[in-house]
């Protein structure tokens, strides 16, 4: 069930990202975050959240003997795709809600 939710999330997020890239381009997605303090706050929140997730991935990969670098790089350049792929390819999925 969890892998199914991860795949559904990954597919829907991919479609949304593809549409945003098609209409606005990579810089067009980022540019609005530098126009107002409110939008900048959303970007800062995303950076903080993804940094915390990368720390978790680092520790989890170290404990399970996995190579985390591809997922960290994906996270740095493509955002939430990194953690979603990390969870998808994790041997024992995280139990969400427990």
Protein backbone atom coordinates (compact mmCIF):
# COMPACT_ATOMS: atom_id res chain seq x y z
CA UNK A 1 0.00 0.00 0.00
CA UNK A 2 2.76 2.46 0.92
CA UNK A 3 4.69 1.92 -2.28
CA UNK A 4 1.47 2.49 -4.20
CA UNK A 5 0.96 5.84 -2.42
CA UNK A 6 4.54 6.82 -3.14
CA UNK A 7 4.16 5.92 -6.83
CA UNK A 8 0.86 7.82 -7.09
CA UNK A 9 2.44 10.87 -5.41
CA UNK A 10 5.49 10.63 -7.66
CA UNK A 11 3.38 10.38 -10.83
CA UNK A 12 1.06 13.25 -9.88
CA UNK A 13 3.97 15.44 -8.78
CA UNK A 14 5.78 14.63 -12.04
CA UNK A 15 2.76 15.72 -14.08
CA UNK A 16 2.47 18.95 -12.09
CA UNK A 17 6.20 19.62 -12.42
CA UNK A 18 6.15 18.86 -16.14
CA UNK A 19 3.27 21.27 -16.69
CA UNK A 20 5.02 23.98 -14.67
CA UNK A 21 8.24 23.49 -16.63
CA UNK A 22 6.36 23.52 -19.93
CA UNK A 23 4.55 26.77 -19.18
CA UNK A 24 7.14 28.66 -17.12
CA UNK A 25 10.56 27.01 -17.52
CA UNK A 26 12.95 26.23 -14.65
CA UNK A 27 13.75 29.87 -13.88
CA UNK A 28 10.08 30.79 -14.21
CA UNK A 29 9.26 28.41 -11.38
CA UNK A 30 11.86 30.01 -9.10
CA UNK A 31 11.45 33.70 -10.04
CA UNK A 32 8.18 34.39 -8.17
CA UNK A 33 9.82 33.36 -4.88
CA UNK A 34 12.07 36.41 -5.03
CA UNK A 35 9.32 38.98 -5.66
CA UNK A 36 7.61 39.18 -2.25
CA UNK A 37 8.47 38.39 1.35
CA UNK A 38 5.57 35.93 1.50
CA UNK A 39 6.81 33.98 -1.50
CA UNK A 40 10.35 34.13 -0.13
CA UNK A 41 9.09 32.68 3.14
CA UNK A 42 7.56 29.74 1.25
CA UNK A 43 10.88 29.12 -0.52
CA UNK A 44 12.79 29.34 2.79
CA UNK A 45 10.33 26.88 4.36
CA UNK A 46 10.85 24.46 1.47
CA UNK A 47 14.64 24.72 1.79
CA UNK A 48 14.46 24.08 5.56
CA UNK A 49 12.09 21.11 5.13
CA UNK A 50 14.17 19.52 2.36
CA UNK A 51 17.35 20.04 4.39
CA UNK A 52 15.79 18.18 7.31
CA UNK A 53 14.68 15.40 4.95
CA UNK A 54 18.22 15.17 3.50
CA UNK A 55 19.63 14.82 7.03
CA UNK A 56 17.14 12.02 7.68
CA UNK A 57 18.04 10.32 4.36
CA UNK A 58 21.76 10.59 5.22
CA UNK A 59 21.25 8.94 8.63
CA UNK A 60 18.86 6.31 7.30
CA UNK A 61 21.20 5.41 4.44
CA UNK A 62 24.16 5.18 6.79
CA UNK A 63 22.20 2.85 9.10
CA UNK A 64 21.05 0.65 6.22
CA UNK A 65 24.32 0.68 4.25
CA UNK A 66 22.89 2.47 1.20
CA UNK A 67 24.49 5.03 -1.07
CA UNK A 68 22.57 8.24 -0.43
CA UNK A 69 24.48 10.55 -2.80
CA UNK A 70 22.28 10.12 -5.89
CA UNK A 71 19.19 10.96 -3.83
CA UNK A 72 20.85 13.98 -2.19
CA UNK A 73 21.88 15.33 -5.59
CA UNK A 74 18.40 14.77 -6.99
CA UNK A 75 16.97 16.62 -3.98
CA UNK A 76 19.36 19.55 -4.44
CA UNK A 77 18.48 19.97 -8.11
CA UNK A 78 14.92 18.61 -8.36
CA UNK A 79 13.48 19.06 -4.88
CA UNK A 80 11.01 16.51 -3.58
CA UNK A 81 11.81 13.99 -6.32
CA UNK A 82 14.89 12.94 -4.29
CA UNK A 83 13.06 11.93 -1.10
CA UNK A 84 10.20 10.35 -3.05
CA UNK A 85 12.61 8.18 -5.03
CA UNK A 86 14.58 7.36 -1.88
CA UNK A 87 11.39 6.12 -0.21
CA UNK A 88 10.34 4.22 -3.33
CA UNK A 89 13.60 2.30 -3.50
CA UNK A 90 13.98 1.82 0.26
CA UNK A 91 14.02 -1.82 1.29
CA UNK A 92 11.62 -1.34 4.18
CA UNK A 93 9.26 1.57 3.57
CA UNK A 94 8.76 4.05 6.37
CA UNK A 95 5.50 3.44 8.20
CA UNK A 96 3.65 6.70 7.75
CA UNK A 97 1.27 7.53 10.56
CA UNK A 98 2.76 5.17 13.12
